[in-house]
Amino acid sequence: MKCALARLVVSTTNDDLLALYLYQRFGFRVTEVLPGRLVEHHGGEESGFAGIPVRDEIRLERRVDVDF
């Protein structure tokens, strides 16, 4: 039996280097970068990991093929 799930999509912020590392290590690929998305959502820049300004949303996806 095959699962109907074809892909997993996740998103993170430009400052979350650990998440970007982890997702890519597990086979996710960057599919979209939304510049300024977090600035719009929060009404301004925030300071993130290691002082990196949190500005952009980064979307990653991984194709899946699951048998049950």
PDB file of N, CA and C in Angstrom:
ATOM      1  N   MET A   1       0.850  -1.176   0.000  1.00  0.00           N
ATOM      2  CA  MET A   1       0.000   0.000   0.000  1.00  0.00           C
ATOM      3  C   MET A   1       0.894   1.237   0.000  1.00  0.00           C
ATOM      4  N   LYS A   2       0.556   2.205  -0.792  1.00  0.00           N
ATOM      5  CA  LYS A   2       1.322   3.454  -0.867  1.00  0.00           C
ATOM      6  C   LYS A   2       0.561   4.559  -0.155  1.00  0.00           C
ATOM      7  N   CYS A   3       1.297   5.405   0.516  1.00  0.00           N
ATOM      8  CA  CYS A   3       0.731   6.573   1.170  1.00  0.00           C
ATOM      9  C   CYS A   3       0.532   7.661   0.106  1.00  0.00           C
ATOM     10  N   ALA A   4      -0.520   8.429   0.218  1.00  0.00           N
ATOM     11  CA  ALA A   4      -0.811   9.478  -0.758  1.00  0.00           C
ATOM     12  C   ALA A   4       0.105  10.687  -0.614  1.00  0.00           C
ATOM     13  N   LEU A   5       0.892  10.710   0.418  1.00  0.00           N
ATOM     14  CA  LEU A   5       1.793  11.824   0.656  1.00  0.00           C
ATOM     15  C   LEU A   5       2.917  11.814  -0.372  1.00  0.00           C
ATOM     16  N   ALA A   6       3.065  12.911  -1.111  1.00  0.00           N
ATOM     17  CA  ALA A   6       4.094  12.979  -2.147  1.00  0.00           C
ATOM     18  C   ALA A   6       5.303  13.804  -1.731  1.00  0.00           C
ATOM     19  N   ARG A   7       5.084  14.743  -0.799  1.00  0.00           N
ATOM     20  CA  ARG A   7       6.190  15.600  -0.389  1.00  0.00           C
ATOM     21  C   ARG A   7       5.925  16.196   0.989  1.00  0.00           C
ATOM     22  N   LEU A   8       6.999  16.547   1.643  1.00  0.00           N
ATOM     23  CA  LEU A   8       6.936  17.267   2.912  1.00  0.00           C
ATOM     24  C   LEU A   8       7.464  18.661   2.651  1.00  0.00           C
ATOM     25  N   VAL A   9       6.756  19.662   3.137  1.00  0.00           N
ATOM     26  CA  VAL A   9       7.182  21.046   2.969  1.00  0.00           C
ATOM     27  C   VAL A   9       7.336  21.659   4.356  1.00  0.00           C
ATOM     28  N   VAL A  10       8.474  22.285   4.595  1.00  0.00           N
ATOM     29  CA  VAL A  10       8.738  22.967   5.863  1.00  0.00           C
ATOM     30  C   VAL A  10       9.224  24.378   5.557  1.00  0.00           C
ATOM     31  N   SER A  11       9.138  25.232   6.557  1.00  0.00           N
ATOM     32  CA  SER A  11       9.704  26.568   6.382  1.00  0.00           C
ATOM     33  C   SER A  11      10.428  26.972   7.656  1.00  0.00           C
ATOM     34  N   THR A  12      11.412  27.825   7.486  1.00  0.00           N
ATOM     35  CA  THR A  12      12.191  28.341   8.606  1.00  0.00           C
ATOM     36  C   THR A  12      12.617  29.758   8.254  1.00  0.00           C
ATOM     37  N   THR A  13      13.388  30.358   9.120  1.00  0.00           N
ATOM     38  CA  THR A  13      13.839  31.726   8.872  1.00  0.00           C
ATOM     39  C   THR A  13      15.306  31.738   8.458  1.00  0.00           C
ATOM     40  N   ASN A  14      15.707  32.841   7.874  1.00  0.00           N
ATOM     41  CA  ASN A  14      17.070  32.953   7.345  1.00  0.00           C
ATOM     42  C   ASN A  14      18.145  32.847   8.424  1.00  0.00           C
ATOM     43  N   ASP A  15      17.819  33.114   9.677  1.00  0.00           N
ATOM     44  CA  ASP A  15      18.819  33.068  10.745  1.00  0.00           C
ATOM     45  C   ASP A  15      18.955  31.688  11.381  1.00  0.00           C
ATOM     46  N   ASP A  16      18.023  30.784  11.101  1.00  0.00           N
ATOM     47  CA  ASP A  16      17.999  29.482  11.784  1.00  0.00           C
ATOM     48  C   ASP A  16      18.937  28.496  11.082  1.00  0.00           C
ATOM     49  N   LEU A  17      20.215  28.714  11.281  1.00  0.00           N
ATOM     50  CA  LEU A  17      21.241  27.921  10.602  1.00  0.00           C
ATOM     51  C   LEU A  17      21.178  26.446  10.979  1.00  0.00           C
ATOM     52  N   LEU A  18      20.851  26.144  12.227  1.00  0.00           N
ATOM     53  CA  LEU A  18      20.744  24.756  12.657  1.00  0.00           C
ATOM     54  C   LEU A  18      19.614  24.040  11.916  1.00  0.00           C
ATOM     55  N   ALA A  19      18.467  24.683  11.793  1.00  0.00           N
ATOM     56  CA  ALA A  19      17.345  24.076  11.072  1.00  0.00           C
ATOM     57  C   ALA A  19      17.691  23.882   9.596  1.00  0.00           C
ATOM     58  N   LEU A  20      18.316  24.880   8.985  1.00  0.00           N
ATOM     59  CA  LEU A  20      18.709  24.766   7.583  1.00  0.00           C
ATOM     60  C   LEU A  20      19.685  23.608   7.384  1.00  0.00           C
ATOM     61  N   TYR A  21      20.627  23.480   8.292  1.00  0.00           N
ATOM     62  CA  TYR A  21      21.585  22.369   8.243  1.00  0.00           C
ATOM     63  C   TYR A  21      20.852  21.036   8.369  1.00  0.00           C
ATOM     64  N   LEU A  22      20.011  20.926   9.398  1.00  0.00           N
ATOM     65  CA  LEU A  22      19.319  19.668   9.679  1.00  0.00           C
ATOM     66  C   LEU A  22      18.424  19.235   8.517  1.00  0.00           C
ATOM     67  N   TYR A  23      17.594  20.145   8.033  1.00  0.00           N
ATOM     68  CA  TYR A  23      16.688  19.789   6.936  1.00  0.00           C
ATOM     69  C   TYR A  23      17.465  19.330   5.696  1.00  0.00           C
ATOM     70  N   GLN A  24      18.508  20.057   5.344  1.00  0.00           N
ATOM     71  CA  GLN A  24      19.269  19.683   4.157  1.00  0.00           C
ATOM     72  C   GLN A  24      20.012  18.366   4.359  1.00  0.00           C
ATOM     73  N   ARG A  25      20.447  18.124   5.574  1.00  0.00           N
ATOM     74  CA  ARG A  25      21.125  16.867   5.898  1.00  0.00           C
ATOM     75  C   ARG A  25      20.195  15.671   5.702  1.00  0.00           C
ATOM     76  N   PHE A  26      18.883  15.914   5.931  1.00  0.00           N
ATOM     77  CA  PHE A  26      17.885  14.860   5.781  1.00  0.00           C
ATOM     78  C   PHE A  26      17.200  14.881   4.414  1.00  0.00           C
ATOM     79  N   GLY A  27      17.820  15.509   3.449  1.00  0.00           N
ATOM     80  CA  GLY A  27      17.357  15.418   2.069  1.00  0.00           C
ATOM     81  C   GLY A  27      16.397  16.486   1.596  1.00  0.00           C
ATOM     82  N   PHE A  28      16.134  17.486   2.418  1.00  0.00           N
ATOM     83  CA  PHE A  28      15.272  18.584   1.977  1.00  0.00           C
ATOM     84  C   PHE A  28      16.074  19.511   1.075  1.00  0.00           C
ATOM     85  N   ARG A  29      15.367  20.130   0.115  1.00  0.00           N
ATOM     86  CA  ARG A  29      16.004  21.089  -0.793  1.00  0.00           C
ATOM     87  C   ARG A  29      15.287  22.421  -0.686  1.00  0.00           C
ATOM     88  N   VAL A  30      16.038  23.496  -0.771  1.00  0.00           N
ATOM     89  CA  VAL A  30      15.441  24.829  -0.749  1.00  0.00           C
ATOM     90  C   VAL A  30      14.634  24.995  -2.033  1.00  0.00           C
ATOM     91  N   THR A  31      13.357  25.352  -1.874  1.00  0.00           N
ATOM     92  CA  THR A  31      12.492  25.513  -3.043  1.00  0.00           C
ATOM     93  C   THR A  31      12.000  26.936  -3.223  1.00  0.00           C
ATOM     94  N   GLU A  32      12.071  27.722  -2.147  1.00  0.00           N
ATOM     95  CA  GLU A  32      11.555  29.088  -2.246  1.00  0.00           C
ATOM     96  C   GLU A  32      12.151  29.942  -1.130  1.00  0.00           C
ATOM     97  N   VAL A  33      12.468  31.167  -1.478  1.00  0.00           N
ATOM     98  CA  VAL A  33      12.900  32.152  -0.495  1.00  0.00           C
ATOM     99  C   VAL A  33      11.937  33.333  -0.627  1.00  0.00           C
ATOM    100  N   LEU A  34      11.340  33.713   0.498  1.00  0.00           N
ATOM    101  CA  LEU A  34      10.388  34.823   0.498  1.00  0.00           C
ATOM    102  C   LEU A  34      11.025  36.014   1.218  1.00  0.00           C
ATOM    103  N   PRO A  35      11.712  36.864   0.453  1.00  0.00           N
ATOM    104  CA  PRO A  35      12.417  38.000   1.057  1.00  0.00           C
ATOM    105  C   PRO A  35      11.457  38.945   1.784  1.00  0.00           C
ATOM    106  N   GLY A  36      11.833  39.321   3.001  1.00  0.00           N
ATOM    107  CA  GLY A  36      11.048  40.291   3.756  1.00  0.00           C
ATOM    108  C   GLY A  36       9.778  39.758   4.397  1.00  0.00           C
ATOM    109  N   ARG A  37       9.496  38.471   4.257  1.00  0.00           N
ATOM    110  CA  ARG A  37       8.239  37.903   4.769  1.00  0.00           C
ATOM    111  C   ARG A  37       8.103  38.088   6.280  1.00  0.00           C
ATOM    112  N   LEU A  38       9.181  37.887   7.025  1.00  0.00           N
ATOM    113  CA  LEU A  38       9.098  38.013   8.485  1.00  0.00           C
ATOM    114  C   LEU A  38       9.032  39.466   8.915  1.00  0.00           C
ATOM    115  N   VAL A  39       9.649  40.350   8.157  1.00  0.00           N
ATOM    116  CA  VAL A  39       9.562  41.779   8.456  1.00  0.00           C
ATOM    117  C   VAL A  39       8.112  42.226   8.316  1.00  0.00           C
ATOM    118  N   GLU A  40       7.447  41.780   7.246  1.00  0.00           N
ATOM    119  CA  GLU A  40       6.035  42.111   7.037  1.00  0.00           C
ATOM    120  C   GLU A  40       5.174  41.548   8.163  1.00  0.00           C
ATOM    121  N   HIS A  41       5.420  40.298   8.526  1.00  0.00           N
ATOM    122  CA  HIS A  41       4.606  39.615   9.529  1.00  0.00           C
ATOM    123  C   HIS A  41       4.758  40.235  10.912  1.00  0.00           C
ATOM    124  N   HIS A  42       5.981  40.576  11.296  1.00  0.00           N
ATOM    125  CA  HIS A  42       6.251  41.098  12.638  1.00  0.00           C
ATOM    126  C   HIS A  42       6.304  42.624  12.700  1.00  0.00           C
ATOM    127  N   GLY A  43       6.225  43.277  11.552  1.00  0.00           N
ATOM    128  CA  GLY A  43       6.235  44.733  11.541  1.00  0.00           C
ATOM    129  C   GLY A  43       7.608  45.353  11.699  1.00  0.00           C
ATOM    130  N   GLY A  44       8.641  44.564  11.525  1.00  0.00           N
ATOM    131  CA  GLY A  44      10.010  45.077  11.613  1.00  0.00           C
ATOM    132  C   GLY A  44      10.993  43.938  11.786  1.00  0.00           C
ATOM    133  N   GLU A  45      12.263  44.281  11.708  1.00  0.00           N
ATOM    134  CA  GLU A  45      13.316  43.273  11.865  1.00  0.00           C
ATOM    135  C   GLU A  45      13.498  42.908  13.328  1.00  0.00           C
ATOM    136  N   GLU A  46      13.810  41.649  13.559  1.00  0.00           N
ATOM    137  CA  GLU A  46      14.164  41.190  14.895  1.00  0.00           C
ATOM    138  C   GLU A  46      15.560  40.598  14.814  1.00  0.00           C
ATOM    139  N   SER A  47      16.246  40.590  15.938  1.00  0.00           N
ATOM    140  CA  SER A  47      17.570  39.989  15.982  1.00  0.00           C
ATOM    141  C   SER A  47      17.419  38.496  16.234  1.00  0.00           C
ATOM    142  N   GLY A  48      18.089  37.708  15.419  1.00  0.00           N
ATOM    143  CA  GLY A  48      18.001  36.261  15.541  1.00  0.00           C
ATOM    144  C   GLY A  48      19.308  35.649  15.998  1.00  0.00           C
ATOM    145  N   PHE A  49      19.517  34.397  15.635  1.00  0.00           N
ATOM    146  CA  PHE A  49      20.711  33.650  16.015  1.00  0.00           C
ATOM    147  C   PHE A  49      21.969  34.406  15.623  1.00  0.00           C
ATOM    148  N   ALA A  50      22.899  34.542  16.550  1.00  0.00           N
ATOM    149  CA  ALA A  50      24.204  35.183  16.340  1.00  0.00           C
ATOM    150  C   ALA A  50      24.063  36.612  15.825  1.00  0.00           C
ATOM    151  N   GLY A  51      22.941  37.259  16.155  1.00  0.00           N
ATOM    152  CA  GLY A  51      22.734  38.637  15.739  1.00  0.00           C
ATOM    153  C   GLY A  51      22.304  38.810  14.292  1.00  0.00           C
ATOM    154  N   ILE A  52      22.023  37.707  13.612  1.00  0.00           N
ATOM    155  CA  ILE A  52      21.571  37.787  12.214  1.00  0.00           C
ATOM    156  C   ILE A  52      20.142  38.332  12.211  1.00  0.00           C
ATOM    157  N   PRO A  53      19.875  39.385  11.441  1.00  0.00           N
ATOM    158  CA  PRO A  53      18.516  39.916  11.379  1.00  0.00           C
ATOM    159  C   PRO A  53      17.560  38.884  10.758  1.00  0.00           C
ATOM    160  N   VAL A  54      16.418  38.697  11.418  1.00  0.00           N
ATOM    161  CA  VAL A  54      15.398  37.769  10.912  1.00  0.00           C
ATOM    162  C   VAL A  54      14.546  38.544   9.921  1.00  0.00           C
ATOM    163  N   ARG A  55      14.665  38.193   8.644  1.00  0.00           N
ATOM    164  CA  ARG A  55      13.961  38.922   7.589  1.00  0.00           C
ATOM    165  C   ARG A  55      13.146  38.004   6.686  1.00  0.00           C
ATOM    166  N   ASP A  56      13.738  36.878   6.305  1.00  0.00           N
ATOM    167  CA  ASP A  56      13.189  36.085   5.208  1.00  0.00           C
ATOM    168  C   ASP A  56      12.693  34.712   5.665  1.00  0.00           C
ATOM    169  N   GLU A  57      11.688  34.229   4.963  1.00  0.00           N
ATOM    170  CA  GLU A  57      11.200  32.866   5.165  1.00  0.00           C
ATOM    171  C   GLU A  57      11.835  31.996   4.083  1.00  0.00           C
ATOM    172  N   ILE A  58      12.324  30.840   4.490  1.00  0.00           N
ATOM    173  CA  ILE A  58      12.942  29.906   3.548  1.00  0.00           C
ATOM    174  C   ILE A  58      12.125  28.614   3.585  1.00  0.00           C
ATOM    175  N   ARG A  59      11.644  28.193   2.428  1.00  0.00           N
ATOM    176  CA  ARG A  59      10.862  26.960   2.328  1.00  0.00           C
ATOM    177  C   ARG A  59      11.711  25.863   1.709  1.00  0.00           C
ATOM    178  N   LEU A  60      11.572  24.688   2.291  1.00  0.00           N
ATOM    179  CA  LEU A  60      12.299  23.514   1.812  1.00  0.00           C
ATOM    180  C   LEU A  60      11.301  22.388   1.617  1.00  0.00           C
ATOM    181  N   GLU A  61      11.610  21.473   0.736  1.00  0.00           N
ATOM    182  CA  GLU A  61      10.737  20.321   0.561  1.00  0.00           C
ATOM    183  C   GLU A  61      11.534  19.061   0.310  1.00  0.00           C
ATOM    184  N   ARG A  62      10.892  17.959   0.626  1.00  0.00           N
ATOM    185  CA  ARG A  62      11.497  16.637   0.416  1.00  0.00           C
ATOM    186  C   ARG A  62      10.439  15.736  -0.173  1.00  0.00           C
ATOM    187  N   ARG A  63      10.760  15.119  -1.269  1.00  0.00           N
ATOM    188  CA  ARG A  63       9.877  14.128  -1.882  1.00  0.00           C
ATOM    189  C   ARG A  63       9.885  12.867  -1.026  1.00  0.00           C
ATOM    190  N   VAL A  64       8.735  12.246  -0.887  1.00  0.00           N
ATOM    191  CA  VAL A  64       8.653  11.024  -0.084  1.00  0.00           C
ATOM    192  C   VAL A  64       7.959   9.931  -0.880  1.00  0.00           C
ATOM    193  N   ASP A  65       8.324   8.726  -0.573  1.00  0.00           N
ATOM    194  CA  ASP A  65       7.712   7.542  -1.168  1.00  0.00           C
ATOM    195  C   ASP A  65       7.590   6.521  -0.040  1.00  0.00           C
ATOM    196  N   VAL A  66       6.415   6.468   0.552  1.00  0.00           N
ATOM    197  CA  VAL A  66       6.209   5.659   1.737  1.00  0.00           C
ATOM    198  C   VAL A  66       5.382   4.423   1.409  1.00  0.00           C
ATOM    199  N   ASP A  67       5.869   3.257   1.774  1.00  0.00           N
ATOM    200  CA  ASP A  67       5.107   2.017   1.628  1.00  0.00           C
ATOM    201  C   ASP A  67       4.576   1.603   2.985  1.00  0.00           C
ATOM    202  N   PHE A  68       3.321   1.150   3.025  1.00  0.00           N
ATOM    203  CA  PHE A  68       2.744   0.620   4.266  1.00  0.00           C
ATOM    204  C   PHE A  68       2.429  -0.838   4.099  1.00  0.00           C
TER     205      PHE A  68
END
